[in-house]
Amino acid sequence: MADNTSVAQPPVKNHGWTVTFAAMGINLALGVLYSWSVVSKKIPADWGWSEADKAWPYSVACLIFSLIMVPAGRMQDRIGPRIVATIGGVLVGAGMILASFSNSVLSYIIGFGVLAGTGIGFGYASATPPAVKWFPAARTGLIAGIVVSGFGLASVYVAPLVEALINAKGVPFTMLALGIGFLVVVMGLAQILKPPPKGYVPPGTVPPKPGAVAKKEDFSPMEILKTWQFYVLWFMYVCGAGAGLMIISKLAKMVDVQAGVKLGFVLVAVLAVGNGAGRIIAGMLSDKIGRKATFFFCFILQAVMIFLLSQAKTGSVFGSTTMLALLSAMIGANYGANLALFPSITKDFYGLKNFGVNYGLVFTAWGLGGFMLSLLAGKVYDATKSFDFAYYCSCGLLIVAAFMTFVVKPPHHKAPPVST
């Protein structure tokens, strides 16, 4: 008879919730990225920036953020989240402080776009992996949703804070103050991040059945690039994130132009509440009904919400402040769902061992979508004085992404049978 006894695992103090909320706090600081809609609207006219110029720092930050997630994720997997997140805090602070000393487009591209974008990538790459490793697979969506909700909720306080600071002290002072504050906060919270020890099995983990043929659990970065599922997920992410970011980056301007609403910063904050809540709700829902069903529902609902926003004209039912707030919250929630669902499905498909770098590869789609589509929206607006392109392009991409959910399925690589 086979010996089924095993050596008892020594007790390990579970730091899961402490790490989860520290990671959420880091993302609350890094979510300063979403305040750009308010900052860009407040750029003084005598700086001479066009609408396309105002899109450049944000677009570059999105692109750099996503690209740096690959090396940052690899560093996180190898040397741990604490050091990588600390580097992120230093870079975010330094970038915003640098931008505060000049009013040129180039200085903001370098400071906010390149340096802060790099720092956001380092911090973000270090937040989710250590948190989800403390919990069983059945809670992946919930924990990932809580961690990334911080990034989405950031504008709840950042948008009105930025509005008040700019009105009182101007854009340069605001960038300087935020840079110093976020440098201190991110560096401090980074010291709390820690993954569980090697071989740790979270309480509640369901063991495999003896003799079962298990699917391959952990894929290396090169292995995931050889699976067709990676490219389907990547394309879905471009569509879902790009559509949302196109709207988010220009929301304050959109409602001003279309409906004459001057409270754009309030709608950005309302959108942020939806963004943060949507990440948690989508994560929990996907743990219950599955990732694919949740993806489909969120993509279709987002397309409907953005189409309704396009009809928000002065005097129309959708142009009222109440309806604009509701639409902003729903658009934020459906966009935020992407940021909980894609790390969860990456972990489901490709495992935890190389999760940092693997999700970094998937996350490049977020940056490409945000960079291309938000910049394109600005350029088209300069040429047409209309945001119709941003609306209808977003709706089309979301419908395509929704139908891609019928195509994607887990990779079928198999591991050796579990011994009996």
Protein backbone atom coordinates (compact mmCIF):
# COMPACT_ATOMS: atom_id res chain seq x y z
CA MET A 1 0.00 0.00 0.00
CA ALA A 2 1.32 3.45 -0.85
CA ASP A 3 2.33 5.66 2.02
CA ASN A 4 0.00 8.68 1.91
CA THR A 5 1.42 10.34 5.02
CA SER A 6 3.08 13.72 4.63
CA VAL A 7 5.26 15.90 6.80
CA ALA A 8 3.16 18.50 8.60
CA GLN A 9 3.75 22.03 7.44
CA PRO A 10 5.17 24.21 10.23
CA PRO A 11 2.73 26.90 11.35
CA VAL A 12 3.16 30.16 9.47
CA LYS A 13 1.58 33.40 10.60
CA ASN A 14 -0.77 34.53 7.85
CA HIS A 15 0.01 38.11 6.81
CA GLY A 16 -2.48 38.00 3.96
CA TRP A 17 -4.82 40.81 5.00
CA THR A 18 -1.99 43.08 6.19
CA VAL A 19 -0.21 42.68 2.87
CA THR A 20 -3.47 43.09 0.93
CA PHE A 21 -4.34 46.44 2.52
CA ALA A 22 -0.75 47.73 2.32
CA ALA A 23 -0.79 46.87 -1.39
CA MET A 24 -4.15 48.61 -1.75
CA GLY A 25 -2.67 51.68 -0.05
CA ILE A 26 0.24 51.75 -2.50
CA ASN A 27 -2.23 51.67 -5.37
CA LEU A 28 -4.23 54.49 -3.77
CA ALA A 29 -1.11 56.63 -4.15
CA LEU A 30 -0.11 55.37 -7.59
CA GLY A 31 -3.62 56.09 -8.89
CA VAL A 32 -2.56 59.74 -9.22
CA LEU A 33 -2.35 58.78 -12.91
CA TYR A 34 -6.13 59.15 -13.17
CA SER A 35 -6.03 62.76 -11.96
CA TRP A 36 -4.59 63.84 -15.30
CA SER A 37 -8.07 64.56 -16.65
CA VAL A 38 -8.31 67.39 -14.07
CA VAL A 39 -4.69 68.54 -14.44
CA SER A 40 -4.87 68.74 -18.23
CA LYS A 41 -8.05 70.81 -18.09
CA LYS A 42 -6.29 73.28 -15.73
CA ILE A 43 -3.17 73.78 -17.87
CA PRO A 44 -2.95 77.60 -18.21
CA ALA A 45 -3.77 78.98 -21.67
CA ASP A 46 -0.52 80.97 -21.72
CA TRP A 47 1.43 77.71 -21.69
CA GLY A 48 0.30 77.27 -25.30
CA TRP A 49 -0.61 73.57 -25.06
CA SER A 50 -2.99 72.08 -27.64
CA GLU A 51 -5.47 69.33 -26.72
CA ALA A 52 -3.09 66.80 -28.26
CA ASP A 53 -0.20 68.23 -26.19
CA LYS A 54 -2.27 67.71 -23.05
CA ALA A 55 -2.75 64.04 -23.99
CA TRP A 56 0.98 63.33 -24.38
CA PRO A 57 2.12 63.09 -20.70
CA TYR A 58 -0.81 60.81 -19.80
CA SER A 59 -0.43 58.69 -22.93
CA VAL A 60 3.31 58.24 -22.39
CA ALA A 61 2.74 57.42 -18.70
CA CYS A 62 0.25 54.70 -19.67
CA LEU A 63 2.65 53.23 -22.23
CA ILE A 64 5.73 53.31 -19.96
CA PHE A 65 3.70 52.00 -17.02
CA SER A 66 2.63 48.95 -19.00
CA LEU A 67 5.99 48.23 -20.63
CA ILE A 68 7.92 48.49 -17.37
CA MET A 69 5.56 45.94 -15.80
CA VAL A 70 7.48 43.15 -17.57
CA PRO A 71 10.97 43.81 -16.08
CA ALA A 72 9.39 45.03 -12.83
CA GLY A 73 7.34 41.83 -12.61
CA ARG A 74 10.46 39.73 -13.19
CA MET A 75 12.30 41.66 -10.46
CA GLN A 76 9.35 41.16 -8.11
CA ASP A 77 9.39 37.40 -8.77
CA ARG A 78 13.15 37.22 -8.12
CA ILE A 79 13.99 39.72 -5.35
CA GLY A 80 10.60 40.27 -3.77
CA PRO A 81 8.04 43.07 -3.73
CA ARG A 82 9.51 45.28 -1.00
CA ILE A 83 12.57 46.54 -2.89
CA VAL A 84 10.74 46.88 -6.21
CA ALA A 85 7.87 48.87 -4.69
CA THR A 86 10.35 51.15 -2.89
CA ILE A 87 12.04 51.92 -6.21
CA GLY A 88 8.60 52.70 -7.60
CA GLY A 89 7.91 55.24 -4.85
CA VAL A 90 11.19 57.05 -5.46
CA LEU A 91 10.60 57.28 -9.22
CA VAL A 92 6.99 58.50 -8.94
CA GLY A 93 8.00 61.22 -6.53
CA ALA A 94 11.05 62.27 -8.51
CA GLY A 95 9.11 62.42 -11.78
CA MET A 96 6.36 64.66 -10.45
CA ILE A 97 8.84 66.91 -8.66
CA LEU A 98 10.83 67.27 -11.90
CA ALA A 99 7.70 68.19 -13.86
CA SER A 100 6.87 70.91 -11.33
CA PHE A 101 9.93 72.97 -12.32
CA SER A 102 8.88 73.66 -15.92
CA ASN A 103 5.77 74.30 -18.01
CA SER A 104 7.00 72.73 -21.24
CA VAL A 105 5.29 69.72 -22.78
CA LEU A 106 8.65 67.92 -22.87
CA SER A 107 9.28 68.33 -19.14
CA TYR A 108 5.86 66.84 -18.34
CA ILE A 109 6.42 63.99 -20.78
CA ILE A 110 9.74 63.17 -19.10
CA GLY A 111 8.64 63.81 -15.51
CA PHE A 112 5.02 62.62 -15.41
CA GLY A 113 5.16 60.38 -18.48
CA VAL A 114 8.52 58.59 -18.27
CA LEU A 115 9.72 58.77 -14.65
CA ALA A 116 6.38 58.67 -12.84
CA GLY A 117 5.07 56.13 -15.37
CA THR A 118 8.08 53.92 -14.63
CA GLY A 119 7.55 54.29 -10.89
CA ILE A 120 3.88 53.41 -11.17
CA GLY A 121 4.85 50.27 -13.07
CA PHE A 122 7.33 49.20 -10.37
CA GLY A 123 4.84 49.80 -7.58
CA TYR A 124 1.86 48.23 -9.33
CA ALA A 125 3.83 45.12 -10.34
CA SER A 126 4.73 44.55 -6.69
CA ALA A 127 1.27 44.94 -5.17
CA THR A 128 -0.94 42.07 -6.34
CA PRO A 129 1.46 39.03 -6.42
CA PRO A 130 2.38 38.95 -2.70
CA ALA A 131 -1.26 39.45 -1.70
CA VAL A 132 -2.85 36.67 -3.79
CA LYS A 133 -0.16 34.19 -2.71
CA TRP A 134 -1.48 34.25 0.87
CA PHE A 135 -4.98 33.07 -0.19
CA PRO A 136 -6.51 29.98 -1.85
CA ALA A 137 -7.47 29.99 -5.53
CA ALA A 138 -11.17 30.42 -4.70
CA ARG A 139 -10.44 33.93 -3.41
CA THR A 140 -8.12 35.11 -6.19
CA GLY A 141 -10.70 37.41 -7.78
CA LEU A 142 -11.68 39.01 -4.47
CA ILE A 143 -8.10 39.67 -3.31
CA ALA A 144 -6.93 40.93 -6.69
CA GLY A 145 -10.01 43.17 -6.80
CA ILE A 146 -9.32 44.66 -3.36
CA VAL A 147 -5.65 45.35 -4.16
CA VAL A 148 -6.26 47.03 -7.50
CA SER A 149 -9.34 48.89 -6.20
CA GLY A 150 -6.92 51.32 -4.60
CA PHE A 151 -5.69 52.45 -7.98
CA GLY A 152 -9.23 53.06 -9.18
CA LEU A 153 -10.40 54.78 -5.99
CA ALA A 154 -7.48 57.19 -5.97
CA SER A 155 -9.31 59.88 -7.91
CA VAL A 156 -11.98 60.05 -5.18
CA TYR A 157 -9.53 62.09 -3.14
CA VAL A 158 -6.94 63.05 -5.78
CA ALA A 159 -9.37 64.78 -8.16
CA PRO A 160 -10.84 67.26 -5.62
CA LEU A 161 -7.43 67.65 -3.98
CA VAL A 162 -5.79 68.50 -7.30
CA GLU A 163 -8.66 70.85 -8.16
CA ALA A 164 -8.30 72.71 -4.84
CA LEU A 165 -4.50 72.87 -4.96
CA ILE A 166 -4.39 74.13 -8.54
CA ASN A 167 -7.04 76.77 -7.84
CA ALA A 168 -5.10 77.94 -4.77
CA LYS A 169 -1.45 77.50 -5.79
CA GLY A 170 -1.29 76.59 -9.50
CA VAL A 171 -0.19 73.52 -11.43
CA PRO A 172 3.58 73.58 -10.59
CA PHE A 173 3.01 73.70 -6.81
CA THR A 174 0.42 70.92 -7.07
CA MET A 175 2.81 68.62 -8.90
CA LEU A 176 5.55 69.33 -6.34
CA ALA A 177 3.30 68.65 -3.35
CA LEU A 178 1.91 65.41 -4.82
CA GLY A 179 5.40 64.23 -5.73
CA ILE A 180 6.73 64.66 -2.20
CA GLY A 181 3.64 63.15 -0.58
CA PHE A 182 3.45 60.06 -2.74
CA LEU A 183 7.19 59.41 -2.47
CA VAL A 184 6.86 59.15 1.31
CA VAL A 185 3.62 57.11 1.30
CA VAL A 186 4.67 54.50 -1.28
CA MET A 187 8.11 53.99 0.25
CA GLY A 188 6.56 53.52 3.70
CA LEU A 189 3.89 51.01 2.68
CA ALA A 190 6.38 49.10 0.53
CA GLN A 191 8.13 47.92 3.70
CA ILE A 192 5.02 45.93 4.69
CA LEU A 193 4.88 43.85 1.50
CA LYS A 194 6.05 40.25 1.91
CA PRO A 195 5.18 36.99 0.12
CA PRO A 196 4.55 33.74 2.04
CA PRO A 197 7.49 31.35 2.50
CA LYS A 198 8.27 28.87 -0.26
CA GLY A 199 5.94 25.87 -0.18
CA TYR A 200 3.24 27.69 1.76
CA VAL A 201 -0.24 26.24 1.22
CA PRO A 202 -3.02 28.76 2.00
CA PRO A 203 -5.75 27.53 4.37
CA GLY A 204 -8.77 26.41 2.36
CA THR A 205 -6.74 25.13 -0.61
CA VAL A 206 -8.46 22.12 -2.21
CA PRO A 207 -5.91 19.30 -2.71
CA PRO A 208 -5.81 17.44 -6.06
CA LYS A 209 -7.45 14.03 -6.25
CA PRO A 210 -4.96 11.12 -6.11
CA GLY A 211 -4.23 9.71 -9.56
CA ALA A 212 -5.80 12.70 -11.35
CA VAL A 213 -4.14 14.13 -14.44
CA ALA A 214 -3.48 17.72 -13.47
CA LYS A 215 -3.08 20.65 -15.79
CA LYS A 216 0.28 22.34 -15.89
CA GLU A 217 0.25 24.84 -13.03
CA ASP A 218 3.17 27.19 -13.70
CA PHE A 219 4.27 28.58 -17.06
CA SER A 220 7.45 30.49 -17.74
CA PRO A 221 7.22 33.75 -19.72
CA MET A 222 8.50 32.02 -22.86
CA GLU A 223 5.95 29.24 -22.44
CA ILE A 224 2.97 31.59 -22.18
CA LEU A 225 4.11 33.39 -25.34
CA LYS A 226 3.78 30.06 -27.15
CA THR A 227 0.11 29.66 -26.18
CA TRP A 228 -2.57 31.17 -28.42
CA GLN A 229 -4.62 32.04 -25.34
CA PHE A 230 -2.10 34.73 -24.42
CA TYR A 231 -2.75 36.62 -27.65
CA VAL A 232 -6.53 36.39 -27.29
CA LEU A 233 -6.34 37.72 -23.71
CA TRP A 234 -3.94 40.44 -24.85
CA PHE A 235 -6.30 41.56 -27.61
CA MET A 236 -9.27 41.57 -25.22
CA TYR A 237 -7.29 43.72 -22.80
CA VAL A 238 -6.42 46.23 -25.54
CA CYS A 239 -10.11 46.57 -26.35
CA GLY A 240 -11.46 46.72 -22.80
CA ALA A 241 -8.79 48.94 -21.26
CA GLY A 242 -8.23 51.13 -24.31
CA ALA A 243 -11.92 51.95 -24.60
CA GLY A 244 -12.16 52.89 -20.93
CA LEU A 245 -8.96 54.93 -20.87
CA MET A 246 -9.99 56.87 -23.95
CA ILE A 247 -13.05 58.09 -22.07
CA ILE A 248 -11.36 58.55 -18.67
CA SER A 249 -8.53 60.70 -20.05
CA LYS A 250 -10.97 63.20 -21.56
CA LEU A 251 -14.05 62.96 -19.32
CA ALA A 252 -13.82 66.44 -17.80
CA LYS A 253 -13.42 67.99 -21.25
CA MET A 254 -16.17 65.83 -22.78
CA VAL A 255 -18.92 66.83 -20.37
CA ASP A 256 -17.88 70.49 -20.60
CA VAL A 257 -18.02 70.50 -24.43
CA GLN A 258 -21.20 68.43 -24.80
CA ALA A 259 -23.38 69.31 -21.86
CA GLY A 260 -21.86 72.51 -20.51
CA VAL A 261 -21.16 70.83 -17.16
CA LYS A 262 -18.28 72.59 -15.36
CA LEU A 263 -17.96 70.04 -12.56
CA GLY A 264 -15.78 67.64 -14.51
CA PHE A 265 -13.56 66.98 -11.49
CA VAL A 266 -16.64 65.78 -9.54
CA LEU A 267 -17.50 63.32 -12.32
CA VAL A 268 -13.88 62.09 -12.35
CA ALA A 269 -14.23 61.39 -8.61
CA VAL A 270 -17.59 59.65 -9.16
CA LEU A 271 -16.03 57.58 -11.94
CA ALA A 272 -13.23 56.65 -9.53
CA VAL A 273 -15.73 55.33 -6.96
CA GLY A 274 -17.20 53.13 -9.67
CA ASN A 275 -13.71 52.17 -10.83
CA GLY A 276 -12.67 50.98 -7.38
CA ALA A 277 -15.96 49.29 -6.52
CA GLY A 278 -16.14 47.62 -9.94
CA ARG A 279 -12.79 45.91 -9.35
CA ILE A 280 -13.95 44.33 -6.10
CA ILE A 281 -17.43 43.41 -7.36
CA ALA A 282 -16.10 41.95 -10.64
CA GLY A 283 -13.45 39.98 -8.76
CA MET A 284 -16.01 38.50 -6.38
CA LEU A 285 -18.49 37.81 -9.18
CA SER A 286 -15.84 36.04 -11.27
CA ASP A 287 -15.02 33.76 -8.32
CA LYS A 288 -18.71 32.73 -8.31
CA ILE A 289 -19.79 32.58 -11.99
CA GLY A 290 -16.43 32.36 -13.76
CA ARG A 291 -14.08 34.82 -15.43
CA LYS A 292 -15.47 34.48 -18.97
CA ALA A 293 -19.10 35.15 -18.04
CA THR A 294 -18.05 38.19 -16.02
CA PHE A 295 -15.92 39.50 -18.89
CA PHE A 296 -18.82 39.22 -21.35
CA PHE A 297 -21.28 40.98 -19.07
CA CYS A 298 -18.88 43.86 -18.30
CA PHE A 299 -17.84 44.43 -21.94
CA ILE A 300 -21.43 44.60 -23.20
CA LEU A 301 -22.61 46.81 -20.34
CA GLN A 302 -19.67 49.16 -20.92
CA ALA A 303 -20.51 49.53 -24.61
CA VAL A 304 -24.07 50.51 -23.67
CA MET A 305 -22.90 53.04 -21.05
CA ILE A 306 -20.45 54.74 -23.42
CA PHE A 307 -23.07 54.97 -26.15
CA LEU A 308 -25.45 56.66 -23.69
CA LEU A 309 -22.68 59.08 -22.68
CA SER A 310 -22.32 60.05 -26.35
CA GLN A 311 -25.99 61.16 -26.23
CA ALA A 312 -25.42 63.42 -23.20
CA LYS A 313 -26.06 66.77 -24.84
CA THR A 314 -27.19 70.06 -23.28
CA GLY A 315 -30.88 69.78 -22.51
CA SER A 316 -31.12 66.02 -23.08
CA VAL A 317 -32.11 63.54 -20.38
CA PHE A 318 -28.57 62.12 -20.37
CA GLY A 319 -27.05 65.61 -20.08
CA SER A 320 -28.29 66.22 -16.55
CA THR A 321 -25.75 66.18 -13.73
CA THR A 322 -27.46 63.18 -12.12
CA MET A 323 -27.39 61.08 -15.30
CA LEU A 324 -23.80 62.08 -16.05
CA ALA A 325 -22.79 61.00 -12.54
CA LEU A 326 -24.56 57.64 -12.99
CA LEU A 327 -22.97 57.04 -16.39
CA SER A 328 -19.53 58.04 -15.06
CA ALA A 329 -19.85 55.60 -12.15
CA MET A 330 -20.93 52.73 -14.41
CA ILE A 331 -18.19 53.43 -16.98
CA GLY A 332 -15.67 53.47 -14.15
CA ALA A 333 -16.99 50.19 -12.73
CA ASN A 334 -16.87 48.34 -16.03
CA TYR A 335 -13.43 49.68 -16.87
CA GLY A 336 -12.17 48.77 -13.38
CA ALA A 337 -13.41 45.20 -13.84
CA ASN A 338 -10.61 44.67 -16.38
CA LEU A 339 -7.99 45.37 -13.73
CA ALA A 340 -9.34 42.63 -11.46
CA LEU A 341 -10.29 40.07 -14.10
CA PHE A 342 -7.12 40.01 -16.19
CA PRO A 343 -4.68 39.34 -13.32
CA SER A 344 -7.08 36.68 -12.02
CA ILE A 345 -7.38 34.87 -15.33
CA THR A 346 -3.61 35.15 -15.86
CA LYS A 347 -3.07 33.41 -12.54
CA ASP A 348 -5.75 30.80 -13.41
CA PHE A 349 -4.19 30.02 -16.78
CA TYR A 350 -0.47 30.34 -16.05
CA GLY A 351 0.10 29.88 -12.30
CA LEU A 352 1.71 31.85 -9.46
CA LYS A 353 5.40 31.04 -9.77
CA ASN A 354 6.06 33.62 -12.52
CA PHE A 355 2.88 35.62 -11.98
CA GLY A 356 4.65 38.98 -11.77
CA VAL A 357 6.33 38.83 -15.15
CA ASN A 358 3.53 36.84 -16.82
CA TYR A 359 0.92 39.41 -15.87
CA GLY A 360 3.39 42.10 -16.91
CA LEU A 361 3.35 40.65 -20.43
CA VAL A 362 -0.46 40.61 -20.48
CA PHE A 363 -0.55 44.12 -19.03
CA THR A 364 1.36 45.61 -21.98
CA ALA A 365 -2.03 45.52 -23.71
CA TRP A 366 -3.37 48.03 -21.18
CA GLY A 367 -0.58 50.46 -22.00
CA LEU A 368 -0.83 50.08 -25.75
CA GLY A 369 -4.60 50.57 -25.66
CA GLY A 370 -4.37 53.60 -23.39
CA PHE A 371 -1.49 55.20 -25.31
CA MET A 372 -2.90 54.78 -28.79
CA LEU A 373 -6.55 55.51 -28.13
CA SER A 374 -6.31 58.41 -25.68
CA LEU A 375 -3.76 60.15 -27.91
CA LEU A 376 -5.87 59.46 -31.00
CA ALA A 377 -8.96 60.86 -29.27
CA GLY A 378 -7.08 64.11 -28.59
CA LYS A 379 -5.87 64.40 -32.17
CA VAL A 380 -9.31 63.70 -33.66
CA TYR A 381 -10.86 66.27 -31.34
CA ASP A 382 -8.32 68.89 -32.45
CA ALA A 383 -9.31 68.18 -36.06
CA THR A 384 -13.10 67.83 -35.66
CA LYS A 385 -13.95 69.54 -32.33
CA SER A 386 -16.00 66.44 -31.52
CA PHE A 387 -15.50 63.35 -29.34
CA ASP A 388 -17.77 61.15 -31.48
CA PHE A 389 -14.80 59.11 -32.65
CA ALA A 390 -13.81 58.27 -29.06
CA TYR A 391 -17.33 57.10 -28.24
CA TYR A 392 -18.05 54.94 -31.27
CA CYS A 393 -14.55 53.47 -31.49
CA SER A 394 -14.81 52.48 -27.81
CA CYS A 395 -18.19 50.80 -28.34
CA GLY A 396 -16.91 48.83 -31.33
CA LEU A 397 -13.83 47.57 -29.47
CA LEU A 398 -15.91 46.46 -26.49
CA ILE A 399 -18.33 44.47 -28.64
CA VAL A 400 -15.41 42.69 -30.32
CA ALA A 401 -13.86 41.91 -26.92
CA ALA A 402 -17.18 40.53 -25.64
CA PHE A 403 -17.39 38.00 -28.45
CA MET A 404 -13.76 36.99 -27.94
CA THR A 405 -14.81 35.55 -24.58
CA PHE A 406 -16.44 32.67 -26.49
CA VAL A 407 -13.06 31.83 -28.00
CA VAL A 408 -10.64 31.92 -25.08
CA LYS A 409 -10.16 28.83 -22.90
CA PRO A 410 -7.47 27.53 -20.53
CA PRO A 411 -4.27 26.08 -22.01
CA HIS A 412 -4.29 22.28 -22.20
CA HIS A 413 -0.72 21.50 -21.24
CA LYS A 414 -0.70 18.69 -18.73
CA ALA A 415 1.54 17.80 -15.82
CA PRO A 416 2.43 14.23 -14.71
CA PRO A 417 -0.30 12.36 -12.77
CA VAL A 418 -0.38 12.87 -9.02
CA SER A 419 1.23 9.83 -7.38
CA THR A 420 -0.87 7.57 -5.24
